[in-house]
């Protein structure tokens, strides 16, 4: 995996999905999606962004 860009941000910021999204294990466009995360689920940031993808923890509803 080639990490082109890494950014630190505030940790534990709460996000609620407003549309269905694809979840990935690796922060690259070509990586396979591991699941569809449905609208309404809550995510919390881990404080790290890699290649434009925000690293989050999913809290299932």
PDB file of N, CA and C in Angstrom:
ATOM      1  N   UNK A   1       0.854  -1.174   0.000  1.00  0.00           N
ATOM      2  CA  UNK A   1       0.000   0.000   0.000  1.00  0.00           C
ATOM      3  C   UNK A   1       0.896   1.232   0.000  1.00  0.00           C
ATOM      4  N   UNK A   2       0.562   2.181  -0.811  1.00  0.00           N
ATOM      5  CA  UNK A   2       1.299   3.434  -0.894  1.00  0.00           C
ATOM      6  C   UNK A   2       0.521   4.517  -0.161  1.00  0.00           C
ATOM      7  N   UNK A   3       1.092   5.037   0.912  1.00  0.00           N
ATOM      8  CA  UNK A   3       0.455   6.111   1.667  1.00  0.00           C
ATOM      9  C   UNK A   3       1.014   7.428   1.164  1.00  0.00           C
ATOM     10  N   UNK A   4       0.182   8.173   0.459  1.00  0.00           N
ATOM     11  CA  UNK A   4       0.602   9.434  -0.142  1.00  0.00           C
ATOM     12  C   UNK A   4       0.373  10.618   0.785  1.00  0.00           C
ATOM     13  N   UNK A   5      -0.624  10.516   1.656  1.00  0.00           N
ATOM     14  CA  UNK A   5      -0.997  11.660   2.478  1.00  0.00           C
ATOM     15  C   UNK A   5      -1.580  11.164   3.798  1.00  0.00           C
ATOM     16  N   UNK A   6      -1.082  11.705   4.900  1.00  0.00           N
ATOM     17  CA  UNK A   6      -1.593  11.371   6.235  1.00  0.00           C
ATOM     18  C   UNK A   6      -1.878  12.668   6.974  1.00  0.00           C
ATOM     19  N   UNK A   7      -3.060  12.761   7.586  1.00  0.00           N
ATOM     20  CA  UNK A   7      -3.428  13.962   8.344  1.00  0.00           C
ATOM     21  C   UNK A   7      -4.005  13.557   9.687  1.00  0.00           C
ATOM     22  N   UNK A   8      -3.647  14.287  10.718  1.00  0.00           N
ATOM     23  CA  UNK A   8      -4.209  14.084  12.055  1.00  0.00           C
ATOM     24  C   UNK A   8      -5.352  15.076  12.252  1.00  0.00           C
ATOM     25  N   UNK A   9      -6.384  14.616  12.976  1.00  0.00           N
ATOM     26  CA  UNK A   9      -7.521  15.480  13.270  1.00  0.00           C
ATOM     27  C   UNK A   9      -8.032  15.148  14.659  1.00  0.00           C
ATOM     28  N   UNK A  10      -9.081  15.828  15.052  1.00  0.00           N
ATOM     29  CA  UNK A  10      -9.660  15.603  16.369  1.00  0.00           C
ATOM     30  C   UNK A  10     -10.207  14.183  16.459  1.00  0.00           C
ATOM     31  N   UNK A  11      -9.998  13.536  17.585  1.00  0.00           N
ATOM     32  CA  UNK A  11     -10.443  12.167  17.803  1.00  0.00           C
ATOM     33  C   UNK A  11     -11.829  12.143  18.453  1.00  0.00           C
ATOM     34  N   UNK A  12     -12.572  11.072  18.227  1.00  0.00           N
ATOM     35  CA  UNK A  12     -13.895  10.839  18.806  1.00  0.00           C
ATOM     36  C   UNK A  12     -14.961  11.830  18.342  1.00  0.00           C
ATOM     37  N   UNK A  13     -14.809  12.368  17.137  1.00  0.00           N
ATOM     38  CA  UNK A  13     -15.848  13.213  16.555  1.00  0.00           C
ATOM     39  C   UNK A  13     -16.940  12.276  16.040  1.00  0.00           C
ATOM     40  N   UNK A  14     -18.200  12.584  16.348  1.00  0.00           N
ATOM     41  CA  UNK A  14     -19.337  11.726  15.989  1.00  0.00           C
ATOM     42  C   UNK A  14     -19.889  12.121  14.628  1.00  0.00           C
ATOM     43  N   UNK A  15     -20.114  11.121  13.773  1.00  0.00           N
ATOM     44  CA  UNK A  15     -20.719  11.314  12.465  1.00  0.00           C
ATOM     45  C   UNK A  15     -21.913  10.373  12.353  1.00  0.00           C
ATOM     46  N   UNK A  16     -23.008  10.848  11.775  1.00  0.00           N
ATOM     47  CA  UNK A  16     -24.140   9.974  11.473  1.00  0.00           C
ATOM     48  C   UNK A  16     -24.313   9.955   9.961  1.00  0.00           C
ATOM     49  N   UNK A  17     -24.349   8.755   9.380  1.00  0.00           N
ATOM     50  CA  UNK A  17     -24.458   8.634   7.930  1.00  0.00           C
ATOM     51  C   UNK A  17     -25.814   9.100   7.439  1.00  0.00           C
ATOM     52  N   UNK A  18     -25.796   9.904   6.377  1.00  0.00           N
ATOM     53  CA  UNK A  18     -27.036  10.388   5.784  1.00  0.00           C
ATOM     54  C   UNK A  18     -27.380   9.633   4.510  1.00  0.00           C
ATOM     55  N   UNK A  19     -26.478   8.749   4.064  1.00  0.00           N
ATOM     56  CA  UNK A  19     -26.745   7.861   2.933  1.00  0.00           C
ATOM     57  C   UNK A  19     -25.900   6.604   3.111  1.00  0.00           C
ATOM     58  N   UNK A  20     -26.258   5.532   2.429  1.00  0.00           N
ATOM     59  CA  UNK A  20     -25.500   4.288   2.506  1.00  0.00           C
ATOM     60  C   UNK A  20     -24.100   4.501   1.941  1.00  0.00           C
ATOM     61  N   UNK A  21     -23.095   3.891   2.585  1.00  0.00           N
ATOM     62  CA  UNK A  21     -21.703   4.035   2.165  1.00  0.00           C
ATOM     63  C   UNK A  21     -21.030   2.673   2.154  1.00  0.00           C
ATOM     64  N   UNK A  22     -19.920   2.563   1.424  1.00  0.00           N
ATOM     65  CA  UNK A  22     -19.139   1.335   1.399  1.00  0.00           C
ATOM     66  C   UNK A  22     -18.004   1.439   2.416  1.00  0.00           C
ATOM     67  N   UNK A  23     -17.832   0.385   3.210  1.00  0.00           N
ATOM     68  CA  UNK A  23     -16.736   0.334   4.169  1.00  0.00           C
ATOM     69  C   UNK A  23     -15.548  -0.398   3.581  1.00  0.00           C
ATOM     70  N   UNK A  24     -14.335   0.094   3.847  1.00  0.00           N
ATOM     71  CA  UNK A  24     -13.103  -0.511   3.322  1.00  0.00           C
ATOM     72  C   UNK A  24     -12.120  -0.752   4.460  1.00  0.00           C
ATOM     73  N   UNK A  25     -11.282  -1.774   4.285  1.00  0.00           N
ATOM     74  CA  UNK A  25     -10.212  -2.025   5.260  1.00  0.00           C
ATOM     75  C   UNK A  25      -8.962  -1.217   4.961  1.00  0.00           C
ATOM     76  N   UNK A  26      -8.761  -0.846   3.679  1.00  0.00           N
ATOM     77  CA  UNK A  26      -7.545  -0.167   3.266  1.00  0.00           C
ATOM     78  C   UNK A  26      -7.883   1.151   2.589  1.00  0.00           C
ATOM     79  N   UNK A  27      -7.115   2.207   2.874  1.00  0.00           N
ATOM     80  CA  UNK A  27      -7.429   3.546   2.352  1.00  0.00           C
ATOM     81  C   UNK A  27      -6.930   3.802   0.936  1.00  0.00           C
ATOM     82  N   UNK A  28      -7.295   2.936   0.005  1.00  0.00           N
ATOM     83  CA  UNK A  28      -6.956   3.158  -1.401  1.00  0.00           C
ATOM     84  C   UNK A  28      -8.194   2.891  -2.249  1.00  0.00           C
ATOM     85  N   UNK A  29      -8.328   3.597  -3.336  1.00  0.00           N
ATOM     86  CA  UNK A  29      -9.504   3.510  -4.197  1.00  0.00           C
ATOM     87  C   UNK A  29      -9.726   2.096  -4.705  1.00  0.00           C
ATOM     88  N   UNK A  30      -8.655   1.397  -5.062  1.00  0.00           N
ATOM     89  CA  UNK A  30      -8.774   0.073  -5.666  1.00  0.00           C
ATOM     90  C   UNK A  30      -9.114  -1.026  -4.668  1.00  0.00           C
ATOM     91  N   UNK A  31      -9.072  -0.753  -3.370  1.00  0.00           N
ATOM     92  CA  UNK A  31      -9.335  -1.807  -2.384  1.00  0.00           C
ATOM     93  C   UNK A  31     -10.808  -2.212  -2.412  1.00  0.00           C
ATOM     94  N   UNK A  32     -11.034  -3.485  -2.094  1.00  0.00           N
ATOM     95  CA  UNK A  32     -12.391  -4.025  -2.105  1.00  0.00           C
ATOM     96  C   UNK A  32     -13.192  -3.489  -0.921  1.00  0.00           C
ATOM     97  N   UNK A  33     -14.481  -3.273  -1.148  1.00  0.00           N
ATOM     98  CA  UNK A  33     -15.374  -2.883  -0.059  1.00  0.00           C
ATOM     99  C   UNK A  33     -15.685  -4.128   0.764  1.00  0.00           C
ATOM    100  N   UNK A  34     -15.693  -3.978   2.092  1.00  0.00           N
ATOM    101  CA  UNK A  34     -15.946  -5.139   2.944  1.00  0.00           C
ATOM    102  C   UNK A  34     -17.402  -5.230   3.372  1.00  0.00           C
ATOM    103  N   UNK A  35     -18.120  -4.117   3.307  1.00  0.00           N
ATOM    104  CA  UNK A  35     -19.533  -4.122   3.677  1.00  0.00           C
ATOM    105  C   UNK A  35     -20.163  -2.802   3.261  1.00  0.00           C
ATOM    106  N   UNK A  36     -21.480  -2.808   3.207  1.00  0.00           N
ATOM    107  CA  UNK A  36     -22.229  -1.571   3.021  1.00  0.00           C
ATOM    108  C   UNK A  36     -22.704  -1.130   4.399  1.00  0.00           C
ATOM    109  N   UNK A  37     -22.408   0.099   4.744  1.00  0.00           N
ATOM    110  CA  UNK A  37     -22.835   0.662   6.027  1.00  0.00           C
ATOM    111  C   UNK A  37     -24.068   1.514   5.737  1.00  0.00           C
ATOM    112  N   UNK A  38     -25.154   1.198   6.399  1.00  0.00           N
ATOM    113  CA  UNK A  38     -26.422   1.827   6.079  1.00  0.00           C
ATOM    114  C   UNK A  38     -26.609   3.194   6.733  1.00  0.00           C
ATOM    115  N   UNK A  39     -27.412   4.004   6.060  1.00  0.00           N
ATOM    116  CA  UNK A  39     -27.791   5.328   6.546  1.00  0.00           C
ATOM    117  C   UNK A  39     -28.309   5.231   7.982  1.00  0.00           C
ATOM    118  N   UNK A  40     -27.925   6.204   8.820  1.00  0.00           N
ATOM    119  CA  UNK A  40     -28.377   6.245  10.210  1.00  0.00           C
ATOM    120  C   UNK A  40     -27.375   5.673  11.191  1.00  0.00           C
ATOM    121  N   UNK A  41     -26.392   4.881  10.708  1.00  0.00           N
ATOM    122  CA  UNK A  41     -25.372   4.361  11.602  1.00  0.00           C
ATOM    123  C   UNK A  41     -24.466   5.485  12.076  1.00  0.00           C
ATOM    124  N   UNK A  42     -23.877   5.304  13.256  1.00  0.00           N
ATOM    125  CA  UNK A  42     -23.013   6.319  13.858  1.00  0.00           C
ATOM    126  C   UNK A  42     -21.555   5.867  13.772  1.00  0.00           C
ATOM    127  N   UNK A  43     -20.703   6.785  13.336  1.00  0.00           N
ATOM    128  CA  UNK A  43     -19.270   6.546  13.233  1.00  0.00           C
ATOM    129  C   UNK A  43     -18.545   7.532  14.133  1.00  0.00           C
ATOM    130  N   UNK A  44     -17.399   7.120  14.673  1.00  0.00           N
ATOM    131  CA  UNK A  44     -16.552   7.996  15.474  1.00  0.00           C
ATOM    132  C   UNK A  44     -15.167   8.034  14.857  1.00  0.00           C
ATOM    133  N   UNK A  45     -14.601   9.227  14.682  1.00  0.00           N
ATOM    134  CA  UNK A  45     -13.289   9.356  14.072  1.00  0.00           C
ATOM    135  C   UNK A  45     -12.212   8.832  15.005  1.00  0.00           C
ATOM    136  N   UNK A  46     -11.168   8.262  14.399  1.00  0.00           N
ATOM    137  CA  UNK A  46      -9.996   7.795  15.140  1.00  0.00           C
ATOM    138  C   UNK A  46      -8.895   8.854  15.137  1.00  0.00           C
ATOM    139  N   UNK A  47      -9.163   9.978  14.484  1.00  0.00           N
ATOM    140  CA  UNK A  47      -8.190  11.072  14.463  1.00  0.00           C
ATOM    141  C   UNK A  47      -7.109  10.930  13.413  1.00  0.00           C
ATOM    142  N   UNK A  48      -7.351  10.093  12.399  1.00  0.00           N
ATOM    143  CA  UNK A  48      -6.346   9.879  11.367  1.00  0.00           C
ATOM    144  C   UNK A  48      -7.017   9.779  10.007  1.00  0.00           C
ATOM    145  N   UNK A  49      -6.504  10.521   9.048  1.00  0.00           N
ATOM    146  CA  UNK A  49      -6.956  10.437   7.665  1.00  0.00           C
ATOM    147  C   UNK A  49      -5.798   9.977   6.796  1.00  0.00           C
ATOM    148  N   UNK A  50      -6.036   8.983   5.954  1.00  0.00           N
ATOM    149  CA  UNK A  50      -4.993   8.451   5.068  1.00  0.00           C
ATOM    150  C   UNK A  50      -5.511   8.474   3.641  1.00  0.00           C
ATOM    151  N   UNK A  51      -4.764   9.105   2.746  1.00  0.00           N
ATOM    152  CA  UNK A  51      -5.113   9.194   1.327  1.00  0.00           C
ATOM    153  C   UNK A  51      -6.536   9.700   1.102  1.00  0.00           C
ATOM    154  N   UNK A  52      -7.005  10.594   1.953  1.00  0.00           N
ATOM    155  CA  UNK A  52      -8.338  11.169   1.804  1.00  0.00           C
ATOM    156  C   UNK A  52      -9.444  10.366   2.463  1.00  0.00           C
ATOM    157  N   UNK A  53      -9.111   9.233   3.066  1.00  0.00           N
ATOM    158  CA  UNK A  53     -10.101   8.412   3.777  1.00  0.00           C
ATOM    159  C   UNK A  53      -9.960   8.655   5.269  1.00  0.00           C
ATOM    160  N   UNK A  54     -11.063   8.900   5.949  1.00  0.00           N
ATOM    161  CA  UNK A  54     -11.058   9.109   7.396  1.00  0.00           C
ATOM    162  C   UNK A  54     -11.178   7.767   8.094  1.00  0.00           C
ATOM    163  N   UNK A  55     -10.260   7.479   9.010  1.00  0.00           N
ATOM    164  CA  UNK A  55     -10.297   6.243   9.793  1.00  0.00           C
ATOM    165  C   UNK A  55     -11.352   6.395  10.890  1.00  0.00           C
ATOM    166  N   UNK A  56     -12.346   5.504  10.896  1.00  0.00           N
ATOM    167  CA  UNK A  56     -13.456   5.615  11.839  1.00  0.00           C
ATOM    168  C   UNK A  56     -13.750   4.281  12.509  1.00  0.00           C
ATOM    169  N   UNK A  57     -14.463   4.354  13.624  1.00  0.00           N
ATOM    170  CA  UNK A  57     -15.001   3.188  14.315  1.00  0.00           C
ATOM    171  C   UNK A  57     -16.500   3.214  14.130  1.00  0.00           C
ATOM    172  N   UNK A  58     -17.066   2.099  13.737  1.00  0.00           N
ATOM    173  CA  UNK A  58     -18.500   2.005  13.499  1.00  0.00           C
ATOM    174  C   UNK A  58     -19.200   1.518  14.749  1.00  0.00           C
ATOM    175  N   UNK A  59     -20.243   2.233  15.151  1.00  0.00           N
ATOM    176  CA  UNK A  59     -21.098   1.820  16.273  1.00  0.00           C
ATOM    177  C   UNK A  59     -22.427   1.412  15.660  1.00  0.00           C
ATOM    178  N   UNK A  60     -22.687   0.094  15.594  1.00  0.00           N
ATOM    179  CA  UNK A  60     -23.928  -0.391  14.975  1.00  0.00           C
ATOM    180  C   UNK A  60     -25.134   0.009  15.784  1.00  0.00           C
ATOM    181  N   UNK A  61     -26.230   0.307  15.089  1.00  0.00           N
ATOM    182  CA  UNK A  61     -27.479   0.634  15.766  1.00  0.00           C
ATOM    183  C   UNK A  61     -28.344  -0.579  15.871  1.00  0.00           C
TER     184      UNK A  61
END
